[in-house]
């Protein structure tokens, strides 16, 4: 039974695991996507998403909480400045894990974890398109009635 085993320990001691997740989180914020194993990507997702949620509200308290977890001033500044502005309206689900296959050396399951709003390929078709609603009755009748009338006038003028 796995009662009370919420955290994947990743075969590391606590200090090593926290340092590794902080480093991977800073790399994800800096590069917007990183390649890693599936287990580390899932652990990173649980680590980074609450921090991104805290970055939506830019207060001194939230900056201190995020700084205590990430430990890099430049990454925290970029998170609160750039990333928070881009994901401000999203209610959650800031990262995406895409499985890539197995690593050649040890056959480990590899994955790419990325920030959702920074992938232009997936978001290109989901951009809101402005469409105007046109009435069928009003626009089509006027163009059909004016088009034959102009043709008849031109034929009369030629004769």
Protein backbone atom coordinates (compact mmCIF):
# COMPACT_ATOMS: atom_id res chain seq x y z
CA UNK A 1 0.00 0.00 0.00
CA UNK A 2 1.19 3.53 -0.73
CA UNK A 3 -0.58 5.48 2.01
CA UNK A 4 0.98 8.89 2.60
CA UNK A 5 3.51 8.60 -0.24
CA UNK A 6 2.64 11.70 -2.20
CA UNK A 7 6.15 12.77 -3.26
CA UNK A 8 8.26 10.84 -5.75
CA UNK A 9 11.66 10.77 -4.09
CA UNK A 10 13.47 10.13 -7.40
CA UNK A 11 16.11 8.01 -5.68
CA UNK A 12 17.68 11.03 -3.99
CA UNK A 13 18.01 12.46 -0.52
CA UNK A 14 15.83 15.44 0.38
CA UNK A 15 18.43 18.19 -0.06
CA UNK A 16 19.58 16.82 -3.42
CA UNK A 17 16.01 16.48 -4.66
CA UNK A 18 15.07 20.03 -3.64
CA UNK A 19 18.20 21.47 -5.24
CA UNK A 20 17.62 19.50 -8.43
CA UNK A 21 13.98 20.64 -8.71
CA UNK A 22 14.97 24.25 -8.03
CA UNK A 23 17.62 24.07 -10.75
CA UNK A 24 15.24 22.43 -13.22
CA UNK A 25 12.54 25.01 -12.41
CA UNK A 26 14.96 27.88 -13.10
CA UNK A 27 15.99 26.25 -16.38
CA UNK A 28 12.34 25.83 -17.36
CA UNK A 29 11.61 29.49 -16.66
CA UNK A 30 14.71 30.60 -18.55
CA UNK A 31 14.43 28.35 -21.64
CA UNK A 32 10.60 27.79 -21.61
CA UNK A 33 11.12 24.04 -22.31
CA UNK A 34 13.56 21.38 -21.18
CA UNK A 35 14.14 17.70 -21.91
CA UNK A 36 14.30 15.31 -18.96
CA UNK A 37 12.96 11.95 -17.83
CA UNK A 38 9.23 11.43 -17.41
CA UNK A 39 9.50 10.96 -13.63
CA UNK A 40 11.50 14.17 -13.18
CA UNK A 41 9.09 16.05 -15.48
CA UNK A 42 6.11 14.96 -13.39
CA UNK A 43 7.89 15.96 -10.18
CA UNK A 44 8.86 19.30 -11.72
CA UNK A 45 5.26 19.93 -12.75
CA UNK A 46 4.10 19.54 -9.14
CA UNK A 47 6.97 21.78 -8.01
CA UNK A 48 6.63 24.66 -10.50
CA UNK A 49 2.88 25.10 -10.99
CA UNK A 50 2.15 26.45 -7.48
CA UNK A 51 5.05 28.88 -7.93
CA UNK A 52 3.62 30.13 -11.23
CA UNK A 53 0.25 30.58 -9.53
CA UNK A 54 1.93 32.68 -6.82
CA UNK A 55 3.61 34.81 -9.49
CA UNK A 56 0.22 36.02 -10.77
CA UNK A 57 -0.08 38.29 -7.72
CA UNK A 58 3.11 40.33 -7.42
CA UNK A 59 3.53 40.96 -3.71
CA UNK A 60 6.63 40.96 -1.56
CA UNK A 61 5.38 37.91 0.33
CA UNK A 62 4.84 35.89 -2.86
CA UNK A 63 8.27 36.90 -4.18
CA UNK A 64 9.89 35.72 -0.95
CA UNK A 65 8.07 32.38 -1.06
CA UNK A 66 9.11 31.78 -4.67
CA UNK A 67 12.67 32.93 -3.98
CA UNK A 68 12.95 30.45 -1.12
CA UNK A 69 12.03 27.61 -3.50
CA UNK A 70 13.87 28.65 -6.70
CA UNK A 71 16.99 30.26 -5.18
CA UNK A 72 17.93 32.30 -8.27
CA UNK A 73 17.16 35.99 -8.40
CA UNK A 74 17.12 36.24 -12.22
CA UNK A 75 14.67 33.35 -12.57
CA UNK A 76 12.32 34.85 -9.97
CA UNK A 77 12.46 38.24 -11.69
CA UNK A 78 11.67 36.69 -15.09
CA UNK A 79 8.87 34.60 -13.58
CA UNK A 80 7.13 37.61 -12.05
CA UNK A 81 7.84 39.94 -14.98
CA UNK A 82 7.41 37.94 -18.22
CA UNK A 83 5.80 34.61 -17.43
CA UNK A 84 3.14 35.99 -15.09
CA UNK A 85 2.08 38.57 -17.67
CA UNK A 86 1.65 35.91 -20.34
CA UNK A 87 -0.30 33.41 -18.19
CA UNK A 88 -2.35 35.94 -16.24
CA UNK A 89 -5.75 34.80 -17.49
CA UNK A 90 -5.07 31.03 -17.42
CA UNK A 91 -6.71 29.29 -14.41
CA UNK A 92 -4.09 26.54 -14.17
CA UNK A 93 -2.27 23.93 -16.22
CA UNK A 94 0.74 26.07 -17.04
CA UNK A 95 3.00 23.22 -18.17
CA UNK A 96 2.72 20.44 -20.73
CA UNK A 97 4.60 17.13 -20.73
CA UNK A 98 5.25 15.53 -24.12
CA UNK A 99 6.77 12.05 -24.12
CA UNK A 100 9.70 11.68 -26.51
CA UNK A 101 10.58 7.98 -26.35
CA UNK A 102 13.48 6.18 -24.74
CA UNK A 103 17.04 7.41 -24.16
CA UNK A 104 19.69 5.50 -26.09
CA UNK A 105 22.13 4.94 -23.23
CA UNK A 106 19.95 3.47 -20.50
CA UNK A 107 16.51 3.21 -22.15
CA UNK A 108 14.95 5.73 -19.74
CA UNK A 109 11.58 7.26 -20.71
CA UNK A 110 12.30 10.80 -21.89
CA UNK A 111 9.92 13.74 -21.98
CA UNK A 112 9.87 17.41 -22.84
CA UNK A 113 8.22 19.72 -20.33
CA UNK A 114 7.30 23.19 -21.54
CA UNK A 115 5.34 26.25 -20.56
CA UNK A 116 2.03 26.06 -22.43
CA UNK A 117 1.66 29.70 -23.47
CA UNK A 118 5.14 29.88 -25.02
CA UNK A 119 4.53 27.20 -27.66
CA UNK A 120 3.40 29.02 -30.82
CA UNK A 121 2.83 25.79 -32.79
CA UNK A 122 0.06 24.52 -30.51
CA UNK A 123 -1.43 27.96 -29.86
CA UNK A 124 -1.55 29.13 -33.49
CA UNK A 125 -4.89 27.50 -34.32
CA UNK A 126 -6.44 28.44 -30.96
CA UNK A 127 -6.01 32.18 -31.37
CA UNK A 128 -9.33 34.02 -31.23
CA UNK A 129 -10.45 34.98 -34.72
CA UNK A 130 -12.71 37.97 -35.12
CA UNK A 131 -15.72 37.10 -37.22
CA UNK A 132 -18.54 39.40 -38.11
CA UNK A 133 -22.00 38.02 -38.51
CA UNK A 134 -23.64 39.00 -41.75
CA UNK A 135 -27.27 38.63 -42.60
CA UNK A 136 -27.96 36.41 -45.58
CA UNK A 137 -31.04 38.32 -46.57
CA UNK A 138 -29.67 41.83 -46.58
CA UNK A 139 -26.31 41.45 -48.30
CA UNK A 140 -26.96 38.82 -50.93
CA UNK A 141 -30.11 40.31 -52.49
CA UNK A 142 -28.63 43.72 -53.07
CA UNK A 143 -25.55 42.34 -54.80
CA UNK A 144 -27.58 40.00 -57.00
CA UNK A 145 -30.04 42.69 -58.09
CA UNK A 146 -27.39 45.28 -58.81
CA UNK A 147 -25.13 42.95 -60.77
CA UNK A 148 -27.62 42.05 -63.57
CA UNK A 149 -28.83 45.64 -63.79
CA UNK A 150 -25.36 46.93 -64.52
CA UNK A 151 -24.85 44.26 -67.15
CA UNK A 152 -28.05 45.24 -68.97
CA UNK A 153 -27.13 48.92 -68.87
CA UNK A 154 -23.74 48.22 -70.37
CA UNK A 155 -25.27 46.19 -73.18
CA UNK A 156 -27.78 48.97 -73.89
CA UNK A 157 -25.08 51.58 -73.97
CA UNK A 158 -23.01 49.56 -76.43
CA UNK A 159 -25.93 49.30 -78.93
